[in-house]
C-alpha atoms as a PDB file:
ATOM      1  CA  MET A   1     118.422 205.310 188.245  1.00  0.00           C
ATOM      2  CA  ARG A   2     118.276 205.958 184.535  1.00  0.00           C
ATOM      3  CA  CYS A   3     119.427 204.742 181.111  1.00  0.00           C
ATOM      4  CA  ILE A   4     121.691 207.036 179.086  1.00  0.00           C
ATOM      5  CA  VAL A   5     122.217 206.789 175.381  1.00  0.00           C
ATOM      6  CA  LEU A   6     125.564 207.872 174.013  1.00  0.00           C
ATOM      7  CA  ALA A   7     126.874 208.151 170.448  1.00  0.00           C
ATOM      8  CA  ALA A   8     129.889 206.068 169.435  1.00  0.00           C
ATOM      9  CA  ASP A   9     132.110 209.096 170.155  1.00  0.00           C
ATOM     10  CA  GLY A  10     130.649 209.405 173.714  1.00  0.00           C
ATOM     11  CA  LYS A  11     128.366 212.370 172.979  1.00  0.00           C
ATOM     12  CA  PHE A  12     125.201 212.442 175.031  1.00  0.00           C
ATOM     13  CA  LEU A  13     122.090 211.641 172.976  1.00  0.00           C
ATOM     14  CA  SER A  14     119.246 211.002 175.391  1.00  0.00           C
ATOM     15  CA  GLN A  15     118.166 209.501 178.704  1.00  0.00           C
ATOM     16  CA  TRP A  16     115.126 207.995 180.363  1.00  0.00           C
ATOM     17  CA  GLY A  17     114.085 206.561 183.685  1.00  0.00           C
ATOM     18  CA  SER A  18     114.094 207.478 187.343  1.00  0.00           C
ATOM     19  CA  LYS A  19     114.078 205.718 190.734  1.00  0.00           C
ATOM     20  CA  GLY A  20     110.819 204.016 191.587  1.00  0.00           C
ATOM     21  CA  LYS A  21     108.473 201.094 190.862  1.00  0.00           C
ATOM     22  CA  GLY A  22     106.467 202.381 187.938  1.00  0.00           C
ATOM     23  CA  GLU A  23     106.919 202.184 184.173  1.00  0.00           C
ATOM     24  CA  SER A  24     110.389 203.476 183.179  1.00  0.00           C
ATOM     25  CA  GLN A  25     111.430 203.540 186.812  1.00  0.00           C
ATOM     26  CA  PHE A  26     114.065 201.311 188.365  1.00  0.00           C
ATOM     27  CA  ALA A  27     115.109 200.047 191.775  1.00  0.00           C
ATOM     28  CA  ALA A  28     118.516 199.135 190.295  1.00  0.00           C
ATOM     29  CA  ALA A  29     119.082 199.029 186.545  1.00  0.00           C
ATOM     30  CA  HIS A  30     121.620 196.252 186.806  1.00  0.00           C
ATOM     31  CA  GLY A  31     121.839 194.605 183.406  1.00  0.00           C
ATOM     32  CA  ILE A  32     121.014 195.485 179.837  1.00  0.00           C
ATOM     33  CA  ALA A  33     120.581 193.650 176.532  1.00  0.00           C
ATOM     34  CA  ILE A  34     119.579 194.630 173.013  1.00  0.00           C
ATOM     35  CA  ASP A  35     117.970 192.307 170.452  1.00  0.00           C
ATOM     36  CA  SER A  36     118.149 192.325 166.640  1.00  0.00           C
ATOM     37  CA  ARG A  37     115.063 194.587 166.498  1.00  0.00           C
ATOM     38  CA  ASP A  38     116.791 197.162 168.746  1.00  0.00           C
ATOM     39  CA  ARG A  39     114.496 196.504 171.678  1.00  0.00           C
ATOM     40  CA  ILE A  40     116.286 197.218 174.957  1.00  0.00           C
ATOM     41  CA  TYR A  41     115.839 194.917 177.935  1.00  0.00           C
ATOM     42  CA  VAL A  42     116.809 196.328 181.343  1.00  0.00           C
ATOM     43  CA  ALA A  43     117.198 193.994 184.343  1.00  0.00           C
ATOM     44  CA  ASP A  44     115.434 195.945 187.076  1.00  0.00           C
ATOM     45  CA  ARG A  45     116.978 194.301 190.169  1.00  0.00           C
ATOM     46  CA  GLY A  46     114.907 195.027 193.223  1.00  0.00           C
ATOM     47  CA  ASN A  47     111.683 195.411 191.269  1.00  0.00           C
ATOM     48  CA  ASN A  48     111.792 191.738 190.159  1.00  0.00           C
ATOM     49  CA  ARG A  49     111.241 192.461 186.450  1.00  0.00           C
ATOM     50  CA  ILE A  50     112.730 193.046 183.049  1.00  0.00           C
ATOM     51  CA  GLN A  51     111.580 196.264 181.458  1.00  0.00           C
ATOM     52  CA  VAL A  52     111.462 196.385 177.640  1.00  0.00           C
ATOM     53  CA  PHE A  53     111.970 199.679 175.728  1.00  0.00           C
ATOM     54  CA  SER A  54     112.175 200.834 172.119  1.00  0.00           C
ATOM     55  CA  LYS A  55     115.521 202.209 170.993  1.00  0.00           C
ATOM     56  CA  GLU A  56     114.083 205.668 171.605  1.00  0.00           C
ATOM     57  CA  GLY A  57     113.429 204.746 175.231  1.00  0.00           C
ATOM     58  CA  LYS A  58     109.672 204.333 174.973  1.00  0.00           C
ATOM     59  CA  PHE A  59     108.327 201.789 177.495  1.00  0.00           C
ATOM     60  CA  ILE A  60     106.947 198.632 175.764  1.00  0.00           C
ATOM     61  CA  ALA A  61     106.419 196.074 178.513  1.00  0.00           C
ATOM     62  CA  ALA A  62     107.475 194.745 181.908  1.00  0.00           C
ATOM     63  CA  TRP A  63     108.215 191.050 182.192  1.00  0.00           C
ATOM     64  CA  ALA A  64     108.015 189.451 185.696  1.00  0.00           C
ATOM     65  CA  GLY A  65     107.408 186.151 187.414  1.00  0.00           C
ATOM     66  CA  PHE A  66     110.869 184.625 187.158  1.00  0.00           C
ATOM     67  CA  GLY A  67     112.812 186.065 190.108  1.00  0.00           C
ATOM     68  CA  ASN A  68     115.013 189.047 190.678  1.00  0.00           C
ATOM     69  CA  PRO A  69     117.038 189.794 187.521  1.00  0.00           C
ATOM     70  CA  PHE A  70     120.678 190.790 187.849  1.00  0.00           C
ATOM     71  CA  GLY A  71     121.909 190.323 184.299  1.00  0.00           C
ATOM     72  CA  ALA A  72     120.351 190.000 180.817  1.00  0.00           C
ATOM     73  CA  ILE A  73     121.700 188.811 177.451  1.00  0.00           C
ATOM     74  CA  VAL A  74     120.071 188.041 174.136  1.00  0.00           C
ATOM     75  CA  VAL A  75     121.043 184.675 172.607  1.00  0.00           C
ATOM     76  CA  ASP A  76     119.341 183.803 169.327  1.00  0.00           C
ATOM     77  CA  ASP A  77     115.582 184.118 169.992  1.00  0.00           C
ATOM     78  CA  GLU A  78     115.795 184.080 173.763  1.00  0.00           C
ATOM     79  CA  LEU A  79     116.561 186.506 176.607  1.00  0.00           C
ATOM     80  CA  LEU A  80     118.683 184.854 179.272  1.00  0.00           C
ATOM     81  CA  VAL A  81     118.226 186.333 182.704  1.00  0.00           C
ATOM     82  CA  SER A  82     120.580 185.708 185.632  1.00  0.00           C
ATOM     83  CA  ASP A  83     119.032 185.766 189.086  1.00  0.00           C
ATOM     84  CA  GLY A  84     121.654 186.164 191.789  1.00  0.00           C
ATOM     85  CA  ASP A  85     119.161 185.756 194.647  1.00  0.00           C
ATOM     86  CA  VAL A  86     118.167 182.222 193.717  1.00  0.00           C
ATOM     87  CA  HIS A  87     121.274 181.317 191.643  1.00  0.00           C
ATOM     88  CA  THR A  88     119.520 180.539 188.356  1.00  0.00           C
ATOM     89  CA  ILE A  89     119.546 181.376 184.656  1.00  0.00           C
ATOM     90  CA  SER A  90     116.064 181.744 183.110  1.00  0.00           C
ATOM     91  CA  HIS A  91     115.401 181.478 179.343  1.00  0.00           C
ATOM     92  CA  LEU A  92     112.568 183.683 178.025  1.00  0.00           C
ATOM     93  CA  SER A  93     111.233 183.738 174.457  1.00  0.00           C
ATOM     94  CA  LEU A  94     111.705 187.146 172.816  1.00  0.00           C
ATOM     95  CA  ALA A  95     108.379 186.698 170.999  1.00  0.00           C
ATOM     96  CA  ASP A  96     106.544 185.885 174.236  1.00  0.00           C
ATOM     97  CA  PRO A  97     107.964 186.431 177.697  1.00  0.00           C
ATOM     98  CA  LYS A  98     107.105 182.875 178.827  1.00  0.00           C
ATOM     99  CA  MET A  99     109.904 180.969 180.499  1.00  0.00           C
ATOM    100  CA  SER A 100     111.120 178.068 178.333  1.00  0.00           C
ATOM    101  CA  ALA A 101     113.810 176.820 180.737  1.00  0.00           C
ATOM    102  CA  GLN A 102     115.476 177.565 184.020  1.00  0.00           C
ATOM    103  CA  TRP A 103     118.634 176.012 185.479  1.00  0.00           C
ATOM    104  CA  GLY A 104     121.079 176.447 188.300  1.00  0.00           C
ATOM    105  CA  THR A 105     121.332 175.928 192.043  1.00  0.00           C
ATOM    106  CA  PRO A 106     123.198 177.675 194.870  1.00  0.00           C
ATOM    107  CA  GLU A 107     125.893 175.022 194.446  1.00  0.00           C
ATOM    108  CA  THR A 108     126.297 175.360 190.677  1.00  0.00           C
ATOM    109  CA  LEU A 109     125.797 179.150 190.326  1.00  0.00           C
ATOM    110  CA  GLN A 110     127.010 181.219 193.216  1.00  0.00           C
ATOM    111  CA  LEU A 111     125.317 184.647 192.800  1.00  0.00           C
ATOM    112  CA  PRO A 112     125.535 185.041 188.987  1.00  0.00           C
ATOM    113  CA  PRO A 113     125.200 188.719 188.052  1.00  0.00           C
ATOM    114  CA  LEU A 114     126.540 188.974 184.505  1.00  0.00           C
ATOM    115  CA  MET A 115     126.796 186.846 181.337  1.00  0.00           C
ATOM    116  CA  ALA A 116     128.468 186.943 177.877  1.00  0.00           C
ATOM    117  CA  TYR A 117     127.882 184.792 174.838  1.00  0.00           C
ATOM    118  CA  GLY A 118     130.878 183.793 172.733  1.00  0.00           C
ATOM    119  CA  GLU A 119     132.094 181.735 169.882  1.00  0.00           C
ATOM    120  CA  GLN A 120     130.964 178.158 169.441  1.00  0.00           C
ATOM    121  CA  GLY A 121     127.840 178.763 171.463  1.00  0.00           C
ATOM    122  CA  LEU A 122     129.578 179.220 174.812  1.00  0.00           C
ATOM    123  CA  LEU A 123     127.874 181.100 177.644  1.00  0.00           C
ATOM    124  CA  TYR A 124     130.192 182.743 180.156  1.00  0.00           C
ATOM    125  CA  VAL A 125     128.654 183.342 183.582  1.00  0.00           C
ATOM    126  CA  THR A 126     130.418 185.412 186.260  1.00  0.00           C
ATOM    127  CA  GLU A 127     129.859 184.639 189.932  1.00  0.00           C
ATOM    128  CA  VAL A 128     130.224 186.982 192.901  1.00  0.00           C
ATOM    129  CA  ASN A 129     130.324 184.361 195.671  1.00  0.00           C
ATOM    130  CA  GLY A 130     132.111 181.683 193.582  1.00  0.00           C
ATOM    131  CA  LYS A 131     134.732 184.296 192.507  1.00  0.00           C
ATOM    132  CA  ARG A 132     134.950 182.642 189.060  1.00  0.00           C
ATOM    133  CA  VAL A 133     133.700 182.624 185.521  1.00  0.00           C
ATOM    134  CA  GLN A 134     131.985 179.419 184.447  1.00  0.00           C
ATOM    135  CA  ILE A 135     131.639 178.405 180.811  1.00  0.00           C
ATOM    136  CA  PHE A 136     128.530 176.499 179.617  1.00  0.00           C
ATOM    137  CA  ARG A 137     127.697 174.955 176.237  1.00  0.00           C
ATOM    138  CA  LYS A 138     124.115 175.016 174.980  1.00  0.00           C
ATOM    139  CA  ALA A 139     122.587 171.545 175.167  1.00  0.00           C
ATOM    140  CA  GLN A 140     122.026 169.982 171.769  1.00  0.00           C
END
């Protein structure tokens, strides 16, 4: 398991990571997100954490305590993390990895691995078991 950095033309630039449980190691690097400061968030499914890296691949932190992350996406000042095992979406502050919200149930989110954020504040959530894409609007 590793992260690979490619140029826009597909040329290999760098890589980091390996299989394992330590810093910069992954059980399954399943989702990735990048914030406005170019920090890279990797959903390390199987190790129950999000690992945070600089754009050069230097380990910054590991965020845990919210489940087993499948997907990650940055929306405004939050990192949204999908947890397929418990069928939830967790909201974590980018400034501080504390959870500000969590929602979903096995009935409403049926193994949600990936997300996308679109126009008009819509969150698109894919489901493996539900075999669908659900669309959610941020609560006002």
